[in-house]
Amino acid sequence: MIVVPDGVVTRELDSPEVIQWISDTHARSTLTASVCTGAFLLAKAAILSGMSAGIDMSPHLVERLAGRDLALATARQLDFDWHQDG
């Protein structure tokens, strides 16, 4: 799993090495996610397939990695009414 964090990403957006590393690592990863401005790096690497808020992403990733029961417990802990669309 690769998680691209947020922050000021201006320098990284202009770095072919960083973008290539993200692309290569994504190709070998089961999951790729980003938080906030990290989405710009995924877009530059041409692997962004949709955006959602981090609070939506958290239970989704927990479910993918550890199962629905823990995802629902995580959502309750976050005081978030999480549901899976579709």
PDB file of N, CA and C in Angstrom:
ATOM      1  N   MET A   1       0.845  -1.177   0.000  1.00  0.00           N
ATOM      2  CA  MET A   1       0.000   0.000   0.000  1.00  0.00           C
ATOM      3  C   MET A   1       0.885   1.232   0.000  1.00  0.00           C
ATOM      4  N   ILE A   2       0.484   2.202  -0.804  1.00  0.00           N
ATOM      5  CA  ILE A   2       1.180   3.485  -0.812  1.00  0.00           C
ATOM      6  C   ILE A   2       0.164   4.567  -0.453  1.00  0.00           C
ATOM      7  N   VAL A   3       0.536   5.426   0.479  1.00  0.00           N
ATOM      8  CA  VAL A   3      -0.278   6.588   0.847  1.00  0.00           C
ATOM      9  C   VAL A   3       0.572   7.822   0.600  1.00  0.00           C
ATOM     10  N   VAL A   4       0.110   8.687  -0.282  1.00  0.00           N
ATOM     11  CA  VAL A   4       0.817   9.924  -0.588  1.00  0.00           C
ATOM     12  C   VAL A   4       0.232  11.014   0.303  1.00  0.00           C
ATOM     13  N   PRO A   5       1.023  11.568   1.209  1.00  0.00           N
ATOM     14  CA  PRO A   5       0.495  12.543   2.165  1.00  0.00           C
ATOM     15  C   PRO A   5       0.292  13.927   1.548  1.00  0.00           C
ATOM     16  N   ASP A   6      -0.314  14.802   2.351  1.00  0.00           N
ATOM     17  CA  ASP A   6      -0.530  16.169   1.888  1.00  0.00           C
ATOM     18  C   ASP A   6       0.641  17.045   2.311  1.00  0.00           C
ATOM     19  N   GLY A   7       0.513  18.291   1.988  1.00  0.00           N
ATOM     20  CA  GLY A   7       1.543  19.282   2.294  1.00  0.00           C
ATOM     21  C   GLY A   7       1.780  20.135   1.071  1.00  0.00           C
ATOM     22  N   VAL A   8       2.814  20.928   1.124  1.00  0.00           N
ATOM     23  CA  VAL A   8       3.196  21.723  -0.034  1.00  0.00           C
ATOM     24  C   VAL A   8       3.929  20.784  -0.986  1.00  0.00           C
ATOM     25  N   VAL A   9       3.334  20.522  -2.137  1.00  0.00           N
ATOM     26  CA  VAL A   9       3.870  19.520  -3.065  1.00  0.00           C
ATOM     27  C   VAL A   9       4.425  20.148  -4.343  1.00  0.00           C
ATOM     28  N   THR A  10       4.645  21.442  -4.334  1.00  0.00           N
ATOM     29  CA  THR A  10       5.106  22.157  -5.525  1.00  0.00           C
ATOM     30  C   THR A  10       6.402  21.577  -6.068  1.00  0.00           C
ATOM     31  N   ARG A  11       7.376  21.362  -5.212  1.00  0.00           N
ATOM     32  CA  ARG A  11       8.672  20.832  -5.650  1.00  0.00           C
ATOM     33  C   ARG A  11       8.515  19.404  -6.185  1.00  0.00           C
ATOM     34  N   GLU A  12       7.704  18.605  -5.495  1.00  0.00           N
ATOM     35  CA  GLU A  12       7.510  17.221  -5.921  1.00  0.00           C
ATOM     36  C   GLU A  12       6.789  17.138  -7.264  1.00  0.00           C
ATOM     37  N   LEU A  13       5.848  18.057  -7.513  1.00  0.00           N
ATOM     38  CA  LEU A  13       5.137  18.071  -8.795  1.00  0.00           C
ATOM     39  C   LEU A  13       6.080  18.324  -9.962  1.00  0.00           C
ATOM     40  N   ASP A  14       7.158  19.043  -9.702  1.00  0.00           N
ATOM     41  CA  ASP A  14       8.138  19.355 -10.737  1.00  0.00           C
ATOM     42  C   ASP A  14       9.289  18.355 -10.792  1.00  0.00           C
ATOM     43  N   SER A  15       9.194  17.272 -10.021  1.00  0.00           N
ATOM     44  CA  SER A  15      10.267  16.282  -9.969  1.00  0.00           C
ATOM     45  C   SER A  15       9.878  15.014 -10.731  1.00  0.00           C
ATOM     46  N   PRO A  16      10.453  14.800 -11.910  1.00  0.00           N
ATOM     47  CA  PRO A  16      10.141  13.574 -12.654  1.00  0.00           C
ATOM     48  C   PRO A  16      10.482  12.314 -11.864  1.00  0.00           C
ATOM     49  N   GLU A  17      11.509  12.381 -11.030  1.00  0.00           N
ATOM     50  CA  GLU A  17      11.901  11.216 -10.235  1.00  0.00           C
ATOM     51  C   GLU A  17      10.820  10.844  -9.226  1.00  0.00           C
ATOM     52  N   VAL A  18      10.240  11.838  -8.569  1.00  0.00           N
ATOM     53  CA  VAL A  18       9.177  11.580  -7.596  1.00  0.00           C
ATOM     54  C   VAL A  18       7.946  11.015  -8.292  1.00  0.00           C
ATOM     55  N   ILE A  19       7.564  11.619  -9.401  1.00  0.00           N
ATOM     56  CA  ILE A  19       6.385  11.159 -10.142  1.00  0.00           C
ATOM     57  C   ILE A  19       6.603   9.738 -10.646  1.00  0.00           C
ATOM     58  N   GLN A  20       7.792   9.433 -11.145  1.00  0.00           N
ATOM     59  CA  GLN A  20       8.090   8.081 -11.617  1.00  0.00           C
ATOM     60  C   GLN A  20       8.070   7.086 -10.463  1.00  0.00           C
ATOM     61  N   TRP A  21       8.599   7.490  -9.287  1.00  0.00           N
ATOM     62  CA  TRP A  21       8.581   6.608  -8.114  1.00  0.00           C
ATOM     63  C   TRP A  21       7.146   6.283  -7.716  1.00  0.00           C
ATOM     64  N   ILE A  22       6.286   7.297  -7.713  1.00  0.00           N
ATOM     65  CA  ILE A  22       4.874   7.071  -7.380  1.00  0.00           C
ATOM     66  C   ILE A  22       4.252   6.114  -8.383  1.00  0.00           C
ATOM     67  N   SER A  23       4.492   6.340  -9.663  1.00  0.00           N
ATOM     68  CA  SER A  23       3.934   5.482 -10.711  1.00  0.00           C
ATOM     69  C   SER A  23       4.434   4.046 -10.580  1.00  0.00           C
ATOM     70  N   ASP A  24       5.731   3.870 -10.381  1.00  0.00           N
ATOM     71  CA  ASP A  24       6.309   2.535 -10.249  1.00  0.00           C
ATOM     72  C   ASP A  24       5.806   1.821  -8.998  1.00  0.00           C
ATOM     73  N   THR A  25       5.730   2.542  -7.892  1.00  0.00           N
ATOM     74  CA  THR A  25       5.277   1.947  -6.636  1.00  0.00           C
ATOM     75  C   THR A  25       3.801   1.585  -6.719  1.00  0.00           C
ATOM     76  N   HIS A  26       3.009   2.439  -7.345  1.00  0.00           N
ATOM     77  CA  HIS A  26       1.596   2.153  -7.558  1.00  0.00           C
ATOM     78  C   HIS A  26       1.413   0.846  -8.338  1.00  0.00           C
ATOM     79  N   ALA A  27       2.245   0.637  -9.348  1.00  0.00           N
ATOM     80  CA  ALA A  27       2.138  -0.559 -10.183  1.00  0.00           C
ATOM     81  C   ALA A  27       2.381  -1.836  -9.382  1.00  0.00           C
ATOM     82  N   ARG A  28       3.143  -1.729  -8.291  1.00  0.00           N
ATOM     83  CA  ARG A  28       3.450  -2.901  -7.466  1.00  0.00           C
ATOM     84  C   ARG A  28       2.591  -2.983  -6.212  1.00  0.00           C
ATOM     85  N   SER A  29       1.713  -2.034  -5.988  1.00  0.00           N
ATOM     86  CA  SER A  29       0.936  -1.954  -4.753  1.00  0.00           C
ATOM     87  C   SER A  29      -0.473  -2.484  -4.928  1.00  0.00           C
ATOM     88  N   THR A  30      -1.012  -2.990  -3.841  1.00  0.00           N
ATOM     89  CA  THR A  30      -2.400  -3.424  -3.833  1.00  0.00           C
ATOM     90  C   THR A  30      -3.340  -2.229  -3.765  1.00  0.00           C
ATOM     91  N   LEU A  31      -2.961  -1.241  -2.976  1.00  0.00           N
ATOM     92  CA  LEU A  31      -3.772  -0.035  -2.785  1.00  0.00           C
ATOM     93  C   LEU A  31      -2.897   1.202  -2.936  1.00  0.00           C
ATOM     94  N   THR A  32      -3.457   2.232  -3.518  1.00  0.00           N
ATOM     95  CA  THR A  32      -2.805   3.538  -3.587  1.00  0.00           C
ATOM     96  C   THR A  32      -3.827   4.563  -3.129  1.00  0.00           C
ATOM     97  N   ALA A  33      -3.407   5.417  -2.209  1.00  0.00           N
ATOM     98  CA  ALA A  33      -4.307   6.442  -1.678  1.00  0.00           C
ATOM     99  C   ALA A  33      -3.514   7.728  -1.465  1.00  0.00           C
ATOM    100  N   SER A  34      -4.232   8.810  -1.336  1.00  0.00           N
ATOM    101  CA  SER A  34      -3.594  10.083  -1.025  1.00  0.00           C
ATOM    102  C   SER A  34      -4.482  10.857  -0.076  1.00  0.00           C
ATOM    103  N   VAL A  35      -3.890  11.840   0.521  1.00  0.00           N
ATOM    104  CA  VAL A  35      -4.614  12.730   1.418  1.00  0.00           C
ATOM    105  C   VAL A  35      -4.417  14.153   0.907  1.00  0.00           C
ATOM    106  N   CYS A  36      -5.500  14.863   0.749  1.00  0.00           N
ATOM    107  CA  CYS A  36      -5.500  16.286   0.413  1.00  0.00           C
ATOM    108  C   CYS A  36      -4.654  16.579  -0.825  1.00  0.00           C
ATOM    109  N   THR A  37      -3.612  17.400  -0.699  1.00  0.00           N
ATOM    110  CA  THR A  37      -2.826  17.811  -1.864  1.00  0.00           C
ATOM    111  C   THR A  37      -2.003  16.681  -2.466  1.00  0.00           C
ATOM    112  N   GLY A  38      -1.901  15.555  -1.788  1.00  0.00           N
ATOM    113  CA  GLY A  38      -1.245  14.383  -2.372  1.00  0.00           C
ATOM    114  C   GLY A  38      -1.952  13.932  -3.634  1.00  0.00           C
ATOM    115  N   ALA A  39      -3.233  14.267  -3.778  1.00  0.00           N
ATOM    116  CA  ALA A  39      -3.996  13.915  -4.978  1.00  0.00           C
ATOM    117  C   ALA A  39      -3.394  14.555  -6.229  1.00  0.00           C
ATOM    118  N   PHE A  40      -2.788  15.717  -6.082  1.00  0.00           N
ATOM    119  CA  PHE A  40      -2.158  16.352  -7.246  1.00  0.00           C
ATOM    120  C   PHE A  40      -0.998  15.504  -7.769  1.00  0.00           C
ATOM    121  N   LEU A  41      -0.273  14.859  -6.861  1.00  0.00           N
ATOM    122  CA  LEU A  41       0.831  13.991  -7.273  1.00  0.00           C
ATOM    123  C   LEU A  41       0.317  12.740  -7.978  1.00  0.00           C
ATOM    124  N   LEU A  42      -0.783  12.179  -7.463  1.00  0.00           N
ATOM    125  CA  LEU A  42      -1.382  11.024  -8.146  1.00  0.00           C
ATOM    126  C   LEU A  42      -1.891  11.412  -9.523  1.00  0.00           C
ATOM    127  N   ALA A  43      -2.474  12.590  -9.644  1.00  0.00           N
ATOM    128  CA  ALA A  43      -2.952  13.053 -10.950  1.00  0.00           C
ATOM    129  C   ALA A  43      -1.789  13.240 -11.919  1.00  0.00           C
ATOM    130  N   LYS A  44      -0.706  13.818 -11.441  1.00  0.00           N
ATOM    131  CA  LYS A  44       0.471  14.026 -12.296  1.00  0.00           C
ATOM    132  C   LYS A  44       1.044  12.687 -12.762  1.00  0.00           C
ATOM    133  N   ALA A  45       0.948  11.666 -11.906  1.00  0.00           N
ATOM    134  CA  ALA A  45       1.429  10.330 -12.263  1.00  0.00           C
ATOM    135  C   ALA A  45       0.391   9.558 -13.093  1.00  0.00           C
ATOM    136  N   ALA A  46      -0.724  10.199 -13.402  1.00  0.00           N
ATOM    137  CA  ALA A  46      -1.798   9.616 -14.228  1.00  0.00           C
ATOM    138  C   ALA A  46      -2.416   8.372 -13.597  1.00  0.00           C
ATOM    139  N   ILE A  47      -2.573   8.377 -12.262  1.00  0.00           N
ATOM    140  CA  ILE A  47      -3.192   7.224 -11.601  1.00  0.00           C
ATOM    141  C   ILE A  47      -4.366   7.611 -10.717  1.00  0.00           C
ATOM    142  N   LEU A  48      -4.785   8.838 -10.792  1.00  0.00           N
ATOM    143  CA  LEU A  48      -5.928   9.274  -9.990  1.00  0.00           C
ATOM    144  C   LEU A  48      -7.206   8.816 -10.666  1.00  0.00           C
ATOM    145  N   SER A  49      -8.061   8.093  -9.923  1.00  0.00           N
ATOM    146  CA  SER A  49      -9.301   7.589 -10.522  1.00  0.00           C
ATOM    147  C   SER A  49     -10.525   8.087  -9.771  1.00  0.00           C
ATOM    148  N   GLY A  50     -10.412   9.144  -9.009  1.00  0.00           N
ATOM    149  CA  GLY A  50     -11.550   9.691  -8.279  1.00  0.00           C
ATOM    150  C   GLY A  50     -11.082  10.306  -6.997  1.00  0.00           C
ATOM    151  N   MET A  51     -11.888  11.190  -6.422  1.00  0.00           N
ATOM    152  CA  MET A  51     -11.500  11.865  -5.186  1.00  0.00           C
ATOM    153  C   MET A  51     -12.621  11.737  -4.175  1.00  0.00           C
ATOM    154  N   SER A  52     -12.233  11.709  -2.920  1.00  0.00           N
ATOM    155  CA  SER A  52     -13.174  11.656  -1.814  1.00  0.00           C
ATOM    156  C   SER A  52     -12.490  12.269  -0.604  1.00  0.00           C
ATOM    157  N   ALA A  53     -13.252  12.618   0.382  1.00  0.00           N
ATOM    158  CA  ALA A  53     -12.686  13.175   1.603  1.00  0.00           C
ATOM    159  C   ALA A  53     -11.954  12.087   2.381  1.00  0.00           C
ATOM    160  N   GLY A  54     -10.943  12.493   3.128  1.00  0.00           N
ATOM    161  CA  GLY A  54     -10.175  11.555   3.936  1.00  0.00           C
ATOM    162  C   GLY A  54     -11.028  10.789   4.922  1.00  0.00           C
ATOM    163  N   ILE A  55     -12.061  11.437   5.448  1.00  0.00           N
ATOM    164  CA  ILE A  55     -12.924  10.736   6.404  1.00  0.00           C
ATOM    165  C   ILE A  55     -13.692   9.610   5.720  1.00  0.00           C
ATOM    166  N   ASP A  56     -13.987   9.751   4.434  1.00  0.00           N
ATOM    167  CA  ASP A  56     -14.604   8.659   3.672  1.00  0.00           C
ATOM    168  C   ASP A  56     -13.587   7.562   3.371  1.00  0.00           C
ATOM    169  N   MET A  57     -12.359   7.978   3.130  1.00  0.00           N
ATOM    170  CA  MET A  57     -11.321   7.033   2.762  1.00  0.00           C
ATOM    171  C   MET A  57     -10.936   6.125   3.929  1.00  0.00           C
ATOM    172  N   SER A  58     -10.906   6.655   5.122  1.00  0.00           N
ATOM    173  CA  SER A  58     -10.413   5.890   6.270  1.00  0.00           C
ATOM    174  C   SER A  58     -11.158   4.572   6.476  1.00  0.00           C
ATOM    175  N   PRO A  59     -12.479   4.569   6.652  1.00  0.00           N
ATOM    176  CA  PRO A  59     -13.170   3.287   6.824  1.00  0.00           C
ATOM    177  C   PRO A  59     -13.039   2.380   5.597  1.00  0.00           C
ATOM    178  N   HIS A  60     -13.000   2.983   4.407  1.00  0.00           N
ATOM    179  CA  HIS A  60     -12.850   2.179   3.195  1.00  0.00           C
ATOM    180  C   HIS A  60     -11.529   1.406   3.216  1.00  0.00           C
ATOM    181  N   LEU A  61     -10.441   2.097   3.562  1.00  0.00           N
ATOM    182  CA  LEU A  61      -9.141   1.418   3.620  1.00  0.00           C
ATOM    183  C   LEU A  61      -9.108   0.370   4.718  1.00  0.00           C
ATOM    184  N   VAL A  62      -9.704   0.700   5.872  1.00  0.00           N
ATOM    185  CA  VAL A  62      -9.755  -0.289   6.959  1.00  0.00           C
ATOM    186  C   VAL A  62     -10.513  -1.527   6.506  1.00  0.00           C
ATOM    187  N   GLU A  63     -11.627  -1.326   5.800  1.00  0.00           N
ATOM    188  CA  GLU A  63     -12.392  -2.471   5.312  1.00  0.00           C
ATOM    189  C   GLU A  63     -11.568  -3.311   4.332  1.00  0.00           C
ATOM    190  N   ARG A  64     -10.878  -2.666   3.420  1.00  0.00           N
ATOM    191  CA  ARG A  64     -10.059  -3.403   2.447  1.00  0.00           C
ATOM    192  C   ARG A  64      -8.946  -4.190   3.125  1.00  0.00           C
ATOM    193  N   LEU A  65      -8.373  -3.615   4.184  1.00  0.00           N
ATOM    194  CA  LEU A  65      -7.215  -4.239   4.836  1.00  0.00           C
ATOM    195  C   LEU A  65      -7.586  -5.180   5.978  1.00  0.00           C
ATOM    196  N   ALA A  66      -8.690  -4.893   6.679  1.00  0.00           N
ATOM    197  CA  ALA A  66      -8.970  -5.658   7.911  1.00  0.00           C
ATOM    198  C   ALA A  66     -10.417  -6.113   8.059  1.00  0.00           C
ATOM    199  N   GLY A  67     -11.279  -5.803   7.091  1.00  0.00           N
ATOM    200  CA  GLY A  67     -12.646  -6.297   7.144  1.00  0.00           C
ATOM    201  C   GLY A  67     -13.683  -5.257   7.529  1.00  0.00           C
ATOM    202  N   ARG A  68     -14.922  -5.578   7.195  1.00  0.00           N
ATOM    203  CA  ARG A  68     -16.038  -4.655   7.384  1.00  0.00           C
ATOM    204  C   ARG A  68     -16.323  -4.356   8.856  1.00  0.00           C
ATOM    205  N   ASP A  69     -16.229  -5.375   9.718  1.00  0.00           N
ATOM    206  CA  ASP A  69     -16.530  -5.143  11.131  1.00  0.00           C
ATOM    207  C   ASP A  69     -15.624  -4.067  11.725  1.00  0.00           C
ATOM    208  N   LEU A  70     -14.339  -4.152  11.441  1.00  0.00           N
ATOM    209  CA  LEU A  70     -13.418  -3.138  11.963  1.00  0.00           C
ATOM    210  C   LEU A  70     -13.668  -1.786  11.301  1.00  0.00           C
ATOM    211  N   ALA A  71     -14.037  -1.782  10.027  1.00  0.00           N
ATOM    212  CA  ALA A  71     -14.352  -0.526   9.340  1.00  0.00           C
ATOM    213  C   ALA A  71     -15.550   0.166   9.991  1.00  0.00           C
ATOM    214  N   LEU A  72     -16.580  -0.607  10.311  1.00  0.00           N
ATOM    215  CA  LEU A  72     -17.753  -0.025  10.975  1.00  0.00           C
ATOM    216  C   LEU A  72     -17.399   0.484  12.364  1.00  0.00           C
ATOM    217  N   ALA A  73     -16.572  -0.261  13.088  1.00  0.00           N
ATOM    218  CA  ALA A  73     -16.132   0.191  14.415  1.00  0.00           C
ATOM    219  C   ALA A  73     -15.297   1.466  14.292  1.00  0.00           C
ATOM    220  N   THR A  74     -14.473   1.534  13.266  1.00  0.00           N
ATOM    221  CA  THR A  74     -13.659   2.736  13.030  1.00  0.00           C
ATOM    222  C   THR A  74     -14.557   3.928  12.737  1.00  0.00           C
ATOM    223  N   ALA A  75     -15.551   3.735  11.899  1.00  0.00           N
ATOM    224  CA  ALA A  75     -16.486   4.826  11.577  1.00  0.00           C
ATOM    225  C   ALA A  75     -17.217   5.294  12.825  1.00  0.00           C
ATOM    226  N   ARG A  76     -17.640   4.348  13.671  1.00  0.00           N
ATOM    227  CA  ARG A  76     -18.306   4.740  14.921  1.00  0.00           C
ATOM    228  C   ARG A  76     -17.366   5.549  15.798  1.00  0.00           C
ATOM    229  N   GLN A  77     -16.103   5.130  15.874  1.00  0.00           N
ATOM    230  CA  GLN A  77     -15.116   5.855  16.681  1.00  0.00           C
ATOM    231  C   GLN A  77     -14.906   7.268  16.144  1.00  0.00           C
ATOM    232  N   LEU A  78     -14.986   7.410  14.826  1.00  0.00           N
ATOM    233  CA  LEU A  78     -14.860   8.725  14.196  1.00  0.00           C
ATOM    234  C   LEU A  78     -16.152   9.533  14.284  1.00  0.00           C
ATOM    235  N   ASP A  79     -17.213   8.904  14.819  1.00  0.00           N
ATOM    236  CA  ASP A  79     -18.541   9.512  14.861  1.00  0.00           C
ATOM    237  C   ASP A  79     -18.979   9.906  13.446  1.00  0.00           C
ATOM    238  N   PHE A  80     -18.841   8.944  12.548  1.00  0.00           N
ATOM    239  CA  PHE A  80     -19.092   9.153  11.119  1.00  0.00           C
ATOM    240  C   PHE A  80     -20.085   8.100  10.638  1.00  0.00           C
ATOM    241  N   ASP A  81     -21.147   8.541   9.984  1.00  0.00           N
ATOM    242  CA  ASP A  81     -22.166   7.638   9.447  1.00  0.00           C
ATOM    243  C   ASP A  81     -21.695   7.137   8.086  1.00  0.00           C
ATOM    244  N   TRP A  82     -20.822   6.134   8.129  1.00  0.00           N
ATOM    245  CA  TRP A  82     -20.217   5.600   6.912  1.00  0.00           C
ATOM    246  C   TRP A  82     -21.099   4.541   6.277  1.00  0.00           C
ATOM    247  N   HIS A  83     -21.229   4.615   4.973  1.00  0.00           N
ATOM    248  CA  HIS A  83     -21.907   3.576   4.213  1.00  0.00           C
ATOM    249  C   HIS A  83     -21.201   3.431   2.880  1.00  0.00           C
ATOM    250  N   GLN A  84     -21.271   2.276   2.335  1.00  0.00           N
ATOM    251  CA  GLN A  84     -20.636   2.015   1.078  1.00  0.00           C
ATOM    252  C   GLN A  84     -21.638   2.212  -0.044  1.00  0.00           C
ATOM    253  N   ASP A  85     -21.302   3.072  -0.995  1.00  0.00           N
ATOM    254  CA  ASP A  85     -22.192   3.308  -2.133  1.00  0.00           C
ATOM    255  C   ASP A  85     -22.098   2.148  -3.098  1.00  0.00           C
ATOM    256  N   GLY A  86     -23.220   1.847  -3.733  1.00  0.00           N
ATOM    257  CA  GLY A  86     -23.228   0.827  -4.781  1.00  0.00           C
ATOM    258  C   GLY A  86     -23.347  -0.474  -4.220  1.00  0.00           C
TER     259      GLY A  86
END
